[in-house]
Amino acid sequence: MTLSLVHLDVALAIEAPAPEVRGSADGGPSFRVSAKRLARVSAESDRKTDAGEVADPVMRRLSDALAATRAMHHPHSAILVDALRLAMLTCKASRRPVVSRGQSEPAEGDREGQACRTVRSLQKWRLKRVMQYIDDNLDAKVTLQHLAAVAGLSRMHFAAQFRAAVGMRPHDYLLKRRIERAQELLQRADASLVDIALTVGFQTQAHFTTVFKRFAGDTPYQWRSAHLAQFLPMPRIEARPS
């Protein structure tokens, strides 16, 4: 892969190492970076630099940012373009390990398995803080950014580690806790469904009903009716005169 840093008049090239060169000490990919003066930049090489994994959300955002930066009429736009190109190249190098000669590319399933094994579970003390924060703010707007900040991690690392620890995404866990709190409130016959929906963080009763049915299998009204029916006195059977 080649990256042209136009503003610095430098071209960087990432190449596979010689067959006898081993990988890095931590097991990561090993590659060689070389630099040379940039004589001229052709439109073709520019397109090759930008082409890549458009399906990757990170690469897609970087590509969009690169296109927007090129359209800017700013004195420092060339520096921004070079920085974005370097970020794209770094992303490609980190996600596409260089395979030495004589080695085969790992299968897609093997790569996914390796990626899953590298994600560790969220530490217990971080998980406890996040769960406590969720329980204390069920009536408020809770975003992934809020939860990541409570855990002291980036959004990407938090989401992956939370799912590894709990078995579900943070948003799904938040909805689950809201429905569980709603079930506690539904045990009171005097609380209206609208008030309960607002209390557990839903903006409308319709949305509350949809999510509740997805988790509980019944609508809030049906669930409450079935629950309260358990405590109704059994009808007495009067003896008929013979």
Protein backbone atom coordinates (compact mmCIF):
# COMPACT_ATOMS: atom_id res chain seq x y z
CA MET A 1 0.00 0.00 0.00
CA THR A 2 1.21 3.49 -0.85
CA LEU A 3 0.26 6.81 0.70
CA SER A 4 1.08 10.16 -0.88
CA LEU A 5 1.52 13.00 1.61
CA VAL A 6 1.25 15.87 -0.85
CA HIS A 7 1.79 18.66 1.65
CA LEU A 8 4.99 17.06 2.96
CA ASP A 9 6.15 16.00 -0.51
CA VAL A 10 6.63 12.44 0.77
CA ALA A 11 5.31 9.05 -0.34
CA LEU A 12 5.04 6.24 2.24
CA ALA A 13 4.94 2.58 1.23
CA ILE A 14 3.99 -0.38 3.44
CA GLU A 15 5.51 -3.65 2.29
CA ALA A 16 5.61 -7.22 3.55
CA PRO A 17 8.87 -8.11 5.32
CA ALA A 18 11.30 -10.70 4.10
CA PRO A 19 10.27 -14.34 4.73
CA GLU A 20 12.85 -14.80 7.47
CA VAL A 21 11.56 -11.77 9.41
CA ARG A 22 9.16 -12.75 12.18
CA GLY A 23 6.14 -10.84 13.43
CA SER A 24 6.15 -8.40 16.31
CA ALA A 25 6.65 -9.56 19.88
CA ASP A 26 2.97 -9.15 20.77
CA GLY A 27 1.84 -11.34 17.89
CA GLY A 28 0.67 -8.45 15.76
CA PRO A 29 1.38 -8.02 12.06
CA SER A 30 4.89 -7.15 10.96
CA PHE A 31 5.53 -4.86 8.01
CA ARG A 32 8.11 -2.45 6.66
CA VAL A 33 7.55 1.24 6.00
CA SER A 34 9.69 3.15 3.52
CA ALA A 35 9.55 6.79 2.45
CA LYS A 36 10.73 8.71 -0.58
CA ARG A 37 10.37 12.14 -2.12
CA LEU A 38 7.20 12.63 -4.09
CA ALA A 39 7.94 13.70 -7.64
CA ARG A 40 4.36 14.17 -8.74
CA VAL A 41 0.95 12.84 -7.85
CA SER A 42 -1.26 11.49 -10.58
CA ALA A 43 -5.00 11.31 -10.43
CA GLU A 44 -4.80 7.54 -10.79
CA SER A 45 -2.60 7.08 -7.73
CA ASP A 46 -4.89 9.40 -5.81
CA ARG A 47 -7.87 7.23 -6.62
CA LYS A 48 -5.98 4.12 -5.54
CA THR A 49 -5.22 5.69 -2.20
CA ASP A 50 -8.89 6.42 -1.58
CA ALA A 51 -10.22 3.11 -2.85
CA GLY A 52 -10.76 0.44 -0.26
CA GLU A 53 -13.16 -1.04 2.18
CA VAL A 54 -16.23 1.14 1.65
CA ALA A 55 -18.26 -1.40 3.62
CA ASP A 56 -16.16 -0.68 6.71
CA PRO A 57 -17.91 2.10 8.70
CA VAL A 58 -14.61 3.61 9.84
CA MET A 59 -13.18 3.67 6.32
CA ARG A 60 -16.44 5.05 4.95
CA ARG A 61 -16.40 7.93 7.42
CA LEU A 62 -12.77 8.66 6.71
CA SER A 63 -13.50 8.65 2.98
CA ASP A 64 -16.42 11.03 3.45
CA ALA A 65 -14.25 13.31 5.57
CA LEU A 66 -11.53 13.20 2.91
CA ALA A 67 -13.99 14.20 0.19
CA ALA A 68 -15.37 17.03 2.31
CA THR A 69 -11.89 18.29 3.17
CA ARG A 70 -10.87 18.37 -0.49
CA ALA A 71 -13.87 20.57 -1.22
CA MET A 72 -12.79 23.09 1.41
CA HIS A 73 -11.09 26.28 0.33
CA HIS A 74 -8.91 26.49 3.39
CA PRO A 75 -5.20 27.32 3.56
CA HIS A 76 -4.55 24.23 5.71
CA SER A 77 -6.73 21.78 3.79
CA ALA A 78 -3.68 20.02 2.35
CA ILE A 79 -2.48 19.16 5.87
CA LEU A 80 -5.92 17.83 6.78
CA VAL A 81 -6.01 15.71 3.62
CA ASP A 82 -2.61 14.19 4.43
CA ALA A 83 -3.74 13.43 8.00
CA LEU A 84 -6.88 11.69 6.77
CA ARG A 85 -4.91 9.67 4.22
CA LEU A 86 -2.51 8.58 6.94
CA ALA A 87 -5.45 7.55 9.15
CA MET A 88 -6.92 5.50 6.30
CA LEU A 89 -3.62 3.76 5.65
CA THR A 90 -3.15 3.02 9.35
CA CYS A 91 -6.65 1.55 9.48
CA LYS A 92 -5.95 -0.70 6.50
CA ALA A 93 -2.61 -1.84 7.91
CA SER A 94 -4.09 -2.69 11.31
CA ARG A 95 -7.07 -4.61 9.90
CA ARG A 96 -5.29 -6.41 7.08
CA PRO A 97 -2.23 -8.10 8.58
CA VAL A 98 0.53 -8.72 6.08
CA VAL A 99 0.95 -12.43 5.38
CA SER A 100 4.51 -13.62 4.89
CA ARG A 101 5.42 -15.72 1.89
CA GLY A 102 4.58 -19.38 2.29
CA GLN A 103 1.71 -18.62 4.66
CA SER A 104 -1.92 -18.75 3.66
CA GLU A 105 -4.47 -16.08 4.46
CA PRO A 106 -6.66 -17.20 7.41
CA ALA A 107 -10.24 -18.05 6.56
CA GLU A 108 -12.97 -15.52 7.24
CA GLY A 109 -14.39 -17.61 10.08
CA ASP A 110 -10.94 -17.91 11.69
CA ARG A 111 -10.45 -14.13 11.56
CA GLU A 112 -13.84 -13.57 13.20
CA GLY A 113 -13.02 -16.12 15.89
CA GLN A 114 -9.71 -14.44 16.63
CA ALA A 115 -11.41 -11.06 16.84
CA CYS A 116 -14.00 -12.42 19.30
CA ARG A 117 -11.32 -13.98 21.49
CA THR A 118 -9.42 -10.72 21.78
CA VAL A 119 -12.44 -8.87 23.29
CA ARG A 120 -12.26 -9.13 27.05
CA SER A 121 -15.19 -8.73 29.38
CA LEU A 122 -15.85 -5.44 31.10
CA GLN A 123 -14.14 -5.34 34.49
CA LYS A 124 -16.47 -6.03 37.40
CA TRP A 125 -16.06 -2.65 39.03
CA ARG A 126 -16.77 -0.86 35.74
CA LEU A 127 -19.78 -3.10 35.10
CA LYS A 128 -21.15 -2.40 38.57
CA ARG A 129 -20.87 1.35 38.05
CA VAL A 130 -22.60 1.17 34.67
CA MET A 131 -25.47 -0.98 35.95
CA GLN A 132 -25.97 1.31 38.93
CA TYR A 133 -26.02 4.33 36.63
CA ILE A 134 -28.65 2.68 34.43
CA ASP A 135 -30.87 1.85 37.41
CA ASP A 136 -30.58 5.39 38.74
CA ASN A 137 -31.45 6.99 35.38
CA LEU A 138 -34.17 4.80 33.89
CA ASP A 139 -36.43 7.84 33.55
CA ALA A 140 -33.79 9.89 31.69
CA LYS A 141 -32.20 9.77 28.26
CA VAL A 142 -29.25 7.39 28.52
CA THR A 143 -26.89 7.21 25.55
CA LEU A 144 -23.94 5.00 24.74
CA GLN A 145 -21.67 8.00 25.28
CA HIS A 146 -23.02 8.41 28.83
CA LEU A 147 -22.43 4.76 29.68
CA ALA A 148 -18.95 4.74 28.15
CA ALA A 149 -18.04 7.83 30.19
CA VAL A 150 -19.23 6.14 33.39
CA ALA A 151 -17.07 3.12 32.56
CA GLY A 152 -14.11 5.33 31.63
CA LEU A 153 -13.74 3.82 28.15
CA SER A 154 -14.32 4.82 24.56
CA ARG A 155 -17.70 3.97 23.08
CA MET A 156 -16.29 1.26 20.83
CA HIS A 157 -14.32 -0.52 23.57
CA PHE A 158 -17.14 -0.17 26.09
CA ALA A 159 -19.80 -1.60 23.77
CA ALA A 160 -17.67 -4.64 22.92
CA GLN A 161 -16.59 -5.34 26.50
CA PHE A 162 -20.10 -4.83 27.88
CA ARG A 163 -21.54 -7.31 25.40
CA ALA A 164 -18.82 -9.82 26.28
CA ALA A 165 -19.68 -9.49 29.98
CA VAL A 166 -23.49 -9.35 29.84
CA GLY A 167 -24.32 -11.13 26.59
CA MET A 168 -26.31 -8.28 25.07
CA ARG A 169 -25.77 -4.78 23.74
CA PRO A 170 -25.90 -1.87 26.21
CA HIS A 171 -29.09 -0.50 24.61
CA ASP A 172 -30.84 -3.88 24.87
CA TYR A 173 -29.83 -4.16 28.52
CA LEU A 174 -31.18 -0.67 29.17
CA LEU A 175 -34.52 -1.61 27.61
CA LYS A 176 -34.60 -4.83 29.62
CA ARG A 177 -34.10 -2.96 32.89
CA ARG A 178 -36.80 -0.45 31.94
CA ILE A 179 -39.28 -3.23 31.29
CA GLU A 180 -38.38 -4.94 34.56
CA ARG A 181 -38.97 -1.68 36.43
CA ALA A 182 -42.25 -1.24 34.56
CA GLN A 183 -43.38 -4.69 35.68
CA GLU A 184 -42.78 -3.66 39.29
CA LEU A 185 -44.93 -0.56 38.80
CA LEU A 186 -47.65 -2.48 36.93
CA GLN A 187 -48.28 -4.53 40.05
CA ARG A 188 -50.02 -1.45 41.44
CA ALA A 189 -53.52 -1.13 40.04
CA ASP A 190 -53.70 2.63 40.61
CA ALA A 191 -50.77 3.59 38.31
CA SER A 192 -51.76 4.56 34.77
CA LEU A 193 -49.93 3.07 31.79
CA VAL A 194 -48.93 6.54 30.55
CA ASP A 195 -47.36 7.46 33.90
CA ILE A 196 -45.49 4.16 34.02
CA ALA A 197 -44.18 4.64 30.46
CA LEU A 198 -42.83 8.10 31.33
CA THR A 199 -41.38 6.89 34.62
CA VAL A 200 -39.24 4.25 32.92
CA GLY A 201 -37.96 6.55 30.18
CA PHE A 202 -40.34 6.06 27.22
CA GLN A 203 -41.61 9.14 25.42
CA THR A 204 -44.93 7.62 24.31
CA GLN A 205 -47.20 4.87 25.54
CA ALA A 206 -47.17 3.28 22.06
CA HIS A 207 -43.41 2.82 22.12
CA PHE A 208 -43.61 1.49 25.66
CA THR A 209 -46.23 -1.06 24.62
CA THR A 210 -44.16 -2.24 21.64
CA VAL A 211 -40.98 -2.75 23.66
CA PHE A 212 -42.85 -4.29 26.59
CA LYS A 213 -44.49 -6.89 24.36
CA ARG A 214 -41.13 -7.74 22.80
CA PHE A 215 -39.62 -8.53 26.19
CA ALA A 216 -42.63 -9.80 28.18
CA GLY A 217 -44.71 -11.39 25.45
CA ASP A 218 -47.87 -9.44 26.39
CA THR A 219 -48.96 -5.83 26.31
CA PRO A 220 -48.69 -3.92 29.62
CA TYR A 221 -52.48 -4.09 30.05
CA GLN A 222 -52.57 -7.85 29.45
CA TRP A 223 -49.61 -8.43 31.77
CA ARG A 224 -51.18 -6.38 34.56
CA SER A 225 -54.56 -8.08 34.18
CA ALA A 226 -52.98 -11.53 34.38
CA HIS A 227 -50.91 -10.52 37.39
CA LEU A 228 -53.80 -8.99 39.36
CA ALA A 229 -56.05 -11.92 38.54
CA GLN A 230 -53.82 -14.12 40.70
CA PHE A 231 -54.89 -12.23 43.82
CA LEU A 232 -58.65 -12.16 43.19
CA PRO A 233 -60.65 -14.24 45.67
CA MET A 234 -61.92 -17.55 44.38
CA PRO A 235 -65.69 -17.55 43.78
CA ARG A 236 -67.62 -19.53 46.35
CA ILE A 237 -69.84 -22.32 45.13
CA GLU A 238 -73.15 -22.25 46.96
CA ALA A 239 -74.68 -25.58 47.78
CA ARG A 240 -77.91 -26.23 45.97
CA PRO A 241 -80.83 -27.51 48.00
CA SER A 242 -81.50 -31.14 47.42
